Amino acid sequence: MGYDGTKPEKSYKIIGRCFTNAIYRVAVLELATNAWKVTHCPRSHEELGSHDGSSSVSLNGNLYWTGYKYPDTGQCFIEMLDLSKEVIKIFCILPCKANKSTSNTRILSIYKGDRFSVLQQSKRTGEINIWVTEKEIGNGDNGDDVVWIKFMTVSRPDFPILLSHTSTSYFVDNDVYGKSLVLCCPSTKPRQAWVYIVRGDLCKKIKIDGVQCRFQSSVYVPSLITIT
C-alpha cells in the first residue's frame, strides 16, 4: 500500500507486482476511484537484478525492497516502486555485497521514521551487520546522495539463522541506554515465532504465544481508517 507523494492530498493505492515473460507488471488499485489498472515497467529483469524475497517497506508513499546482481557484480541495492510514476527502478546501492546468491539474508527496515536500515546476516557464521542511512530520505529523493553508516554488529552463538525473509522483521534504535535491536522471526524446530531483543551484551528471547507458523509483515497506515 502507498500513495503519490508528489500531490498535496494523499490518494492511497494498493499495489501488486509480478514478473512474467521478461517484463515487470504492476497492478494498481486507486482507492479514490476504485479502479484497477496494469502498467508495464520499462526496465527488464536483467537491468534490475534479482529480488531478495524480502517484504516491502513503505516510505513517503513509495514501496522499497532489496535486490542484488549475482554473479555479475554481487552488487546489492534498494529497488523502488515509484507511486507517482507507477514504475519500478533502482533507488540506491547498499553497503553490503552478495558473494553468492544464497550466502546472506538481507532485510530492509525503516529507521527513525524517515530513514532506511538494512540488516545482512551471513548464513555461514550467523553474524549480523546493520547499516542505517546518515540523512532522512525526503519525498522526491532519487537516491544519488544516500550515505550509509555502520550501526551495529551482532555475533552471538545463541542467535537464529534467518531463513525466512517474509516472516522476519526488525527495527533498531539508539537512545540514552545505547543501541538496540528488536527482531521478530520464526523457528522451524520448534515451529514457533519469537522476539529477540539485543542491547550490548544482553539478549532476551520472548515466545509469541499462538503463532506457530510462517507469518507476513504488514504496512500500517494510521490515517487511512479511523477506528472508533
Protein backbone atom coordinates (compact mmCIF):
# COMPACT_ATOMS: atom_id res chain seq x y z
CA MET A 1 0.00 0.00 0.00
CA GLY A 2 1.20 3.53 -0.74
CA TYR A 3 0.31 6.90 -2.23
CA ASP A 4 1.55 9.52 -4.69
CA GLY A 5 3.79 11.70 -2.52
CA THR A 6 4.09 14.43 -5.17
CA LYS A 7 0.49 15.55 -4.58
CA PRO A 8 -0.70 17.55 -1.55
CA GLU A 9 -3.60 15.16 -0.93
CA LYS A 10 -2.88 11.52 -0.13
CA SER A 11 -4.74 9.29 -2.57
CA TYR A 12 -3.97 5.79 -1.29
CA LYS A 13 -3.27 2.91 -3.66
CA ILE A 14 -2.97 -0.86 -3.32
CA ILE A 15 -0.22 -2.33 -5.50
CA GLY A 16 0.51 -5.81 -6.80
CA ARG A 17 3.60 -6.66 -8.86
CA CYS A 18 4.79 -9.70 -10.78
CA PHE A 19 7.47 -10.71 -13.29
CA THR A 20 6.31 -12.67 -16.35
CA ASN A 21 7.69 -13.07 -19.88
CA ALA A 22 10.74 -10.91 -19.03
CA ILE A 23 8.52 -7.92 -18.12
CA TYR A 24 7.66 -6.45 -14.73
CA ARG A 25 3.95 -5.77 -14.42
CA VAL A 26 2.42 -3.55 -11.77
CA ALA A 27 -1.31 -3.63 -10.96
CA VAL A 28 -2.60 -0.57 -9.09
CA LEU A 29 -5.95 -0.06 -7.36
CA GLU A 30 -6.60 3.62 -6.59
CA LEU A 31 -8.95 3.75 -3.62
CA ALA A 32 -10.38 7.16 -4.54
CA THR A 33 -11.73 5.85 -7.87
CA ASN A 34 -11.96 2.11 -7.01
CA ALA A 35 -10.39 1.35 -10.41
CA TRP A 36 -7.65 -1.14 -11.32
CA LYS A 37 -5.04 -0.55 -14.00
CA VAL A 38 -2.00 -2.59 -15.08
CA THR A 39 1.23 -0.91 -16.15
CA HIS A 40 4.45 -2.39 -17.55
CA CYS A 41 7.77 -1.44 -16.02
CA PRO A 42 10.15 -0.15 -18.75
CA ARG A 43 13.15 -1.90 -17.13
CA SER A 44 13.85 -5.56 -17.73
CA HIS A 45 14.67 -8.26 -15.17
CA GLU A 46 18.32 -8.21 -16.31
CA GLU A 47 18.58 -4.46 -15.70
CA LEU A 48 17.01 -4.57 -12.25
CA GLY A 49 18.63 -7.75 -10.98
CA SER A 50 17.14 -10.39 -8.70
CA HIS A 51 14.65 -9.76 -5.93
CA ASP A 52 15.87 -10.78 -2.46
CA GLY A 53 12.44 -12.09 -1.49
CA SER A 54 12.10 -9.77 1.50
CA SER A 55 8.92 -7.86 2.29
CA SER A 56 8.50 -4.32 1.03
CA VAL A 57 8.64 -1.30 3.33
CA SER A 58 6.74 1.93 2.79
CA LEU A 59 8.31 5.39 2.99
CA ASN A 60 6.90 8.68 1.65
CA GLY A 61 4.14 6.69 -0.03
CA ASN A 62 6.52 4.56 -2.13
CA LEU A 63 7.48 0.89 -1.68
CA TYR A 64 11.09 -0.31 -1.32
CA TRP A 65 12.78 -3.74 -1.12
CA THR A 66 16.27 -5.20 -1.57
CA GLY A 67 17.75 -6.81 -4.67
CA TYR A 68 21.12 -7.95 -5.99
CA LYS A 69 23.06 -8.71 -9.17
CA TYR A 70 24.81 -12.06 -8.97
CA PRO A 71 27.14 -13.33 -10.35
CA ASP A 72 27.67 -10.19 -12.45
CA THR A 73 28.91 -7.83 -9.73
CA GLY A 74 27.49 -9.09 -6.42
CA GLN A 75 26.12 -5.59 -6.02
CA CYS A 76 23.18 -5.17 -3.65
CA PHE A 77 20.72 -2.30 -3.88
CA ILE A 78 17.30 -1.00 -2.94
CA GLU A 79 14.59 -1.21 -5.56
CA MET A 80 11.71 1.22 -5.52
CA LEU A 81 8.13 1.19 -6.75
CA ASP A 82 7.59 4.89 -7.52
CA LEU A 83 3.89 5.53 -6.90
CA SER A 84 3.91 8.91 -8.63
CA LYS A 85 5.04 7.32 -11.92
CA GLU A 86 3.97 3.73 -11.10
CA VAL A 87 7.29 2.25 -12.29
CA ILE A 88 9.97 0.07 -10.65
CA LYS A 89 13.54 1.36 -10.55
CA ILE A 90 16.78 1.04 -8.59
CA PHE A 91 16.84 3.66 -5.81
CA CYS A 92 20.34 3.36 -4.29
CA ILE A 93 23.27 1.00 -3.74
CA LEU A 94 23.57 -0.90 -0.45
CA PRO A 95 26.82 -1.00 1.58
CA CYS A 96 26.88 -4.84 1.51
CA LYS A 97 27.57 -7.34 -1.29
CA ALA A 98 26.26 -10.77 -2.27
CA ASN A 99 29.28 -13.08 -2.59
CA LYS A 100 26.88 -15.86 -3.58
CA SER A 101 23.18 -15.68 -4.34
CA THR A 102 22.29 -17.65 -1.20
CA SER A 103 25.18 -16.76 1.15
CA ASN A 104 23.42 -13.94 3.02
CA THR A 105 19.99 -12.84 4.14
CA ARG A 106 19.12 -9.16 3.74
CA ILE A 107 16.14 -7.37 5.29
CA LEU A 108 15.12 -3.75 4.82
CA SER A 109 13.52 -1.65 7.56
CA ILE A 110 12.68 1.96 8.43
CA TYR A 111 14.92 3.83 10.88
CA LYS A 112 13.70 6.83 12.91
CA GLY A 113 10.59 7.06 10.71
CA ASP A 114 12.34 8.78 7.79
CA ARG A 115 15.49 6.75 7.01
CA PHE A 116 16.45 3.28 5.87
CA SER A 117 18.07 0.48 7.81
CA VAL A 118 19.37 -2.72 6.22
CA LEU A 119 20.29 -5.94 8.03
CA GLN A 120 22.52 -8.60 6.48
CA GLN A 121 23.22 -11.96 8.11
CA SER A 122 25.82 -14.47 6.98
CA LYS A 123 24.23 -17.90 6.71
CA ARG A 124 27.64 -19.47 7.35
CA THR A 125 28.64 -17.65 10.54
CA GLY A 126 25.31 -16.21 11.71
CA GLU A 127 26.90 -12.78 12.17
CA ILE A 128 24.53 -9.84 11.64
CA ASN A 129 25.62 -6.43 10.37
CA ILE A 130 23.26 -3.46 10.28
CA TRP A 131 23.66 -0.15 8.46
CA VAL A 132 21.47 2.98 8.53
CA THR A 133 21.28 5.97 6.21
CA GLU A 134 23.01 9.09 7.52
CA LYS A 135 20.25 11.50 6.48
CA GLU A 136 16.50 11.28 6.11
CA ILE A 137 15.01 10.12 2.83
CA GLY A 138 12.98 13.06 1.58
CA ASN A 139 9.95 13.00 -0.66
CA GLY A 140 11.18 13.01 -4.25
CA ASP A 141 14.75 11.89 -3.45
CA ASN A 142 16.35 9.89 -6.27
CA GLY A 143 18.85 8.07 -4.04
CA ASP A 144 22.01 9.60 -5.56
CA ASP A 145 23.29 11.14 -2.32
CA VAL A 146 22.42 8.33 0.11
CA VAL A 147 25.24 7.71 2.64
CA TRP A 148 25.28 4.56 4.81
CA ILE A 149 26.70 4.32 8.35
CA LYS A 150 27.57 1.06 10.13
CA PHE A 151 25.11 0.90 13.04
CA MET A 152 25.90 -2.33 14.90
CA THR A 153 27.18 -5.89 14.63
CA VAL A 154 25.56 -8.85 16.41
CA SER A 155 27.58 -12.05 16.69
CA ARG A 156 26.07 -14.46 19.19
CA PRO A 157 26.09 -18.30 19.23
CA ASP A 158 22.51 -18.32 20.57
CA PHE A 159 21.10 -16.17 17.73
CA PRO A 160 18.91 -17.74 14.99
CA ILE A 161 19.76 -18.13 11.31
CA LEU A 162 17.19 -16.04 9.45
CA LEU A 163 15.88 -18.36 6.75
CA SER A 164 12.51 -16.76 6.06
CA HIS A 165 12.60 -13.28 4.54
CA THR A 166 8.87 -12.59 4.54
CA SER A 167 8.35 -13.77 8.11
CA THR A 168 11.20 -11.72 9.60
CA SER A 169 11.04 -8.07 10.61
CA TYR A 170 13.17 -5.88 12.84
CA PHE A 171 13.87 -2.36 13.99
CA VAL A 172 16.85 -0.66 15.62
CA ASP A 173 17.11 2.26 18.00
CA ASN A 174 19.80 4.42 19.57
CA ASP A 175 18.81 6.15 22.81
CA VAL A 176 20.35 7.10 26.16
CA TYR A 177 20.65 3.40 27.04
CA GLY A 178 22.63 2.55 23.89
CA LYS A 179 21.98 0.80 20.60
CA SER A 180 19.34 -1.93 20.50
CA LEU A 181 17.92 -4.44 18.02
CA VAL A 182 14.41 -5.91 18.18
CA LEU A 183 13.95 -8.86 15.81
CA CYS A 184 10.80 -10.91 15.13
CA CYS A 185 11.32 -14.23 13.31
CA PRO A 186 10.10 -17.86 13.21
CA SER A 187 11.93 -21.08 14.03
CA THR A 188 11.39 -24.49 12.44
CA LYS A 189 12.33 -26.66 15.44
CA PRO A 190 10.10 -25.98 17.26
CA ARG A 191 7.64 -24.31 14.86
CA GLN A 192 7.32 -21.10 16.78
CA ALA A 193 7.57 -17.32 16.42
CA TRP A 194 9.99 -15.37 18.62
CA VAL A 195 11.04 -11.85 19.50
CA TYR A 196 14.74 -11.21 20.22
CA ILE A 197 15.84 -8.03 21.99
CA VAL A 198 19.58 -7.26 21.89
CA ARG A 199 21.31 -4.41 23.70
CA GLY A 200 25.06 -4.59 24.24
CA ASP A 201 25.97 -7.98 25.72
CA LEU A 202 22.38 -8.70 26.76
CA CYS A 203 19.90 -10.73 24.69
CA LYS A 204 16.30 -11.51 25.66
CA LYS A 205 14.20 -14.12 23.84
CA ILE A 206 10.39 -13.93 24.03
CA LYS A 207 7.97 -16.51 22.63
CA ILE A 208 4.92 -15.24 20.73
CA ASP A 209 2.10 -17.41 22.00
CA GLY A 210 -0.36 -18.76 19.43
CA VAL A 211 1.93 -18.19 16.40
CA GLN A 212 3.49 -21.46 15.26
CA CYS A 213 3.91 -20.99 11.51
CA ARG A 214 5.16 -18.51 8.93
CA PHE A 215 3.60 -15.08 9.06
CA GLN A 216 3.66 -11.95 6.92
CA SER A 217 4.60 -8.40 7.86
CA SER A 218 2.06 -5.68 7.05
CA VAL A 219 2.08 -1.98 6.28
CA TYR A 220 0.22 0.10 8.88
CA VAL A 221 -1.41 3.31 7.63
CA PRO A 222 -2.97 5.04 10.68
CA SER A 223 -4.50 7.93 8.73
CA LEU A 224 -6.38 5.73 6.24
CA ILE A 225 -9.11 4.39 8.54
CA THR A 226 -10.48 5.94 11.73
CA ILE A 227 -11.20 3.34 14.41
CA THR A 228 -13.97 4.29 16.87
